[in-house]
Amino acid sequence: MHKSTTSPTSIRLKPEEAERIRAAGDENCRSLTAELRYRALAWDEMKIRAERSEQALYKMLLGGQAQQRS
Protein backbone atom coordinates (compact mmCIF):
# COMPACT_ATOMS: atom_id res chain seq x y z
CA MET A 1 0.00 0.00 0.00
CA HIS A 2 1.42 3.36 -1.02
CA LYS A 3 1.59 5.94 1.76
CA SER A 4 1.54 9.62 0.80
CA THR A 5 3.80 12.06 2.56
CA THR A 6 2.51 13.33 5.87
CA SER A 7 3.84 16.87 5.54
CA PRO A 8 1.21 19.47 4.62
CA THR A 9 1.20 20.83 1.12
CA SER A 10 2.29 24.41 0.93
CA ILE A 11 0.38 26.83 -1.24
CA ARG A 12 2.26 29.58 -3.00
CA LEU A 13 0.36 32.86 -3.00
CA LYS A 14 1.18 36.02 -4.82
CA PRO A 15 2.05 38.83 -2.39
CA GLU A 16 -1.14 40.74 -3.25
CA GLU A 17 -3.26 37.63 -2.66
CA ALA A 18 -1.61 37.05 0.70
CA GLU A 19 -2.19 40.70 1.66
CA ARG A 20 -5.85 40.50 0.61
CA ILE A 21 -6.37 37.36 2.71
CA ARG A 22 -4.53 38.93 5.67
CA ALA A 23 -6.67 42.11 5.40
CA ALA A 24 -9.88 40.04 5.29
CA GLY A 25 -8.74 38.15 8.41
CA ASP A 26 -7.97 41.41 10.21
CA GLU A 27 -11.39 42.81 9.29
CA ASN A 28 -13.05 39.63 10.52
CA CYS A 29 -11.19 39.93 13.85
CA ARG A 30 -12.27 43.56 14.23
CA SER A 31 -15.90 42.60 13.50
CA LEU A 32 -15.80 39.79 16.03
CA THR A 33 -14.22 42.05 18.64
CA ALA A 34 -16.88 44.70 18.09
CA GLU A 35 -19.63 42.06 18.33
CA LEU A 36 -18.21 40.71 21.60
CA ARG A 37 -17.98 44.22 23.04
CA TYR A 38 -21.58 44.92 22.04
CA ARG A 39 -22.79 41.68 23.60
CA ALA A 40 -20.85 42.33 26.81
CA LEU A 41 -22.42 45.79 27.11
CA ALA A 42 -25.88 44.36 26.40
CA TRP A 43 -25.32 41.66 29.03
CA ASP A 44 -24.26 44.28 31.59
CA GLU A 45 -27.36 46.34 30.78
CA MET A 46 -29.63 43.30 31.16
CA LYS A 47 -27.98 42.43 34.48
CA ILE A 48 -28.53 45.97 35.80
CA ARG A 49 -32.18 45.92 34.70
CA ALA A 50 -32.74 42.52 36.32
CA GLU A 51 -31.20 43.74 39.60
CA ARG A 52 -33.41 46.86 39.56
CA SER A 53 -36.50 44.76 38.86
CA GLU A 54 -35.58 42.39 41.66
CA GLN A 55 -35.12 45.31 44.08
CA ALA A 56 -38.46 46.84 43.03
CA LEU A 57 -40.24 43.51 43.49
CA TYR A 58 -38.63 43.04 46.90
CA LYS A 59 -39.72 46.54 48.00
CA MET A 60 -43.23 45.86 46.71
CA LEU A 61 -43.40 42.58 48.64
CA LEU A 62 -42.10 44.25 51.80
CA GLY A 63 -44.65 47.04 51.33
CA GLY A 64 -47.45 44.48 51.01
CA GLN A 65 -46.33 42.76 54.21
CA ALA A 66 -46.22 46.08 56.05
CA GLN A 67 -49.79 46.87 54.94
CA GLN A 68 -51.03 43.47 56.11
CA ARG A 69 -49.57 44.08 59.58
CA SER A 70 -51.31 47.48 59.96
C-alpha atoms as a PDB file:
ATOM      1  CA  MET A   1       0.000   0.000   0.000  1.00  0.00           C
ATOM      2  CA  HIS A   2       1.415   3.358  -1.016  1.00  0.00           C
ATOM      3  CA  LYS A   3       1.589   5.941   1.762  1.00  0.00           C
ATOM      4  CA  SER A   4       1.542   9.624   0.804  1.00  0.00           C
ATOM      5  CA  THR A   5       3.798  12.062   2.558  1.00  0.00           C
ATOM      6  CA  THR A   6       2.508  13.333   5.875  1.00  0.00           C
ATOM      7  CA  SER A   7       3.837  16.865   5.544  1.00  0.00           C
ATOM      8  CA  PRO A   8       1.205  19.472   4.624  1.00  0.00           C
ATOM      9  CA  THR A   9       1.200  20.834   1.122  1.00  0.00           C
ATOM     10  CA  SER A  10       2.294  24.411   0.931  1.00  0.00           C
ATOM     11  CA  ILE A  11       0.376  26.833  -1.240  1.00  0.00           C
ATOM     12  CA  ARG A  12       2.261  29.583  -2.998  1.00  0.00           C
ATOM     13  CA  LEU A  13       0.365  32.858  -3.002  1.00  0.00           C
ATOM     14  CA  LYS A  14       1.178  36.018  -4.823  1.00  0.00           C
ATOM     15  CA  PRO A  15       2.052  38.830  -2.388  1.00  0.00           C
ATOM     16  CA  GLU A  16      -1.145  40.745  -3.253  1.00  0.00           C
ATOM     17  CA  GLU A  17      -3.262  37.632  -2.656  1.00  0.00           C
ATOM     18  CA  ALA A  18      -1.609  37.051   0.697  1.00  0.00           C
ATOM     19  CA  GLU A  19      -2.186  40.701   1.656  1.00  0.00           C
ATOM     20  CA  ARG A  20      -5.846  40.503   0.612  1.00  0.00           C
ATOM     21  CA  ILE A  21      -6.365  37.358   2.714  1.00  0.00           C
ATOM     22  CA  ARG A  22      -4.533  38.931   5.667  1.00  0.00           C
ATOM     23  CA  ALA A  23      -6.670  42.109   5.397  1.00  0.00           C
ATOM     24  CA  ALA A  24      -9.876  40.036   5.291  1.00  0.00           C
ATOM     25  CA  GLY A  25      -8.738  38.149   8.411  1.00  0.00           C
ATOM     26  CA  ASP A  26      -7.967  41.408  10.208  1.00  0.00           C
ATOM     27  CA  GLU A  27     -11.393  42.807   9.288  1.00  0.00           C
ATOM     28  CA  ASN A  28     -13.045  39.634  10.521  1.00  0.00           C
ATOM     29  CA  CYS A  29     -11.194  39.930  13.854  1.00  0.00           C
ATOM     30  CA  ARG A  30     -12.275  43.562  14.232  1.00  0.00           C
ATOM     31  CA  SER A  31     -15.896  42.601  13.496  1.00  0.00           C
ATOM     32  CA  LEU A  32     -15.805  39.790  16.034  1.00  0.00           C
ATOM     33  CA  THR A  33     -14.219  42.046  18.643  1.00  0.00           C
ATOM     34  CA  ALA A  34     -16.883  44.698  18.088  1.00  0.00           C
ATOM     35  CA  GLU A  35     -19.631  42.063  18.331  1.00  0.00           C
ATOM     36  CA  LEU A  36     -18.208  40.707  21.598  1.00  0.00           C
ATOM     37  CA  ARG A  37     -17.977  44.223  23.041  1.00  0.00           C
ATOM     38  CA  TYR A  38     -21.578  44.925  22.043  1.00  0.00           C
ATOM     39  CA  ARG A  39     -22.791  41.676  23.604  1.00  0.00           C
ATOM     40  CA  ALA A  40     -20.847  42.334  26.809  1.00  0.00           C
ATOM     41  CA  LEU A  41     -22.424  45.789  27.107  1.00  0.00           C
ATOM     42  CA  ALA A  42     -25.877  44.357  26.396  1.00  0.00           C
ATOM     43  CA  TRP A  43     -25.320  41.663  29.028  1.00  0.00           C
ATOM     44  CA  ASP A  44     -24.260  44.281  31.589  1.00  0.00           C
ATOM     45  CA  GLU A  45     -27.363  46.337  30.785  1.00  0.00           C
ATOM     46  CA  MET A  46     -29.633  43.297  31.158  1.00  0.00           C
ATOM     47  CA  LYS A  47     -27.976  42.431  34.477  1.00  0.00           C
ATOM     48  CA  ILE A  48     -28.534  45.974  35.803  1.00  0.00           C
ATOM     49  CA  ARG A  49     -32.184  45.923  34.703  1.00  0.00           C
ATOM     50  CA  ALA A  50     -32.736  42.519  36.321  1.00  0.00           C
ATOM     51  CA  GLU A  51     -31.202  43.740  39.597  1.00  0.00           C
ATOM     52  CA  ARG A  52     -33.408  46.857  39.564  1.00  0.00           C
ATOM     53  CA  SER A  53     -36.503  44.761  38.858  1.00  0.00           C
ATOM     54  CA  GLU A  54     -35.582  42.392  41.664  1.00  0.00           C
ATOM     55  CA  GLN A  55     -35.123  45.306  44.083  1.00  0.00           C
ATOM     56  CA  ALA A  56     -38.457  46.844  43.026  1.00  0.00           C
ATOM     57  CA  LEU A  57     -40.240  43.508  43.492  1.00  0.00           C
ATOM     58  CA  TYR A  58     -38.627  43.038  46.898  1.00  0.00           C
ATOM     59  CA  LYS A  59     -39.725  46.538  47.997  1.00  0.00           C
ATOM     60  CA  MET A  60     -43.233  45.855  46.710  1.00  0.00           C
ATOM     61  CA  LEU A  61     -43.403  42.580  48.638  1.00  0.00           C
ATOM     62  CA  LEU A  62     -42.104  44.252  51.795  1.00  0.00           C
ATOM     63  CA  GLY A  63     -44.646  47.041  51.330  1.00  0.00           C
ATOM     64  CA  GLY A  64     -47.448  44.484  51.014  1.00  0.00           C
ATOM     65  CA  GLN A  65     -46.329  42.762  54.213  1.00  0.00           C
ATOM     66  CA  ALA A  66     -46.224  46.080  56.046  1.00  0.00           C
ATOM     67  CA  GLN A  67     -49.790  46.873  54.935  1.00  0.00           C
ATOM     68  CA  GLN A  68     -51.033  43.474  56.109  1.00  0.00           C
ATOM     69  CA  ARG A  69     -49.574  44.078  59.581  1.00  0.00           C
ATOM     70  CA  SER A  70     -51.314  47.476  59.963  1.00  0.00           C
END
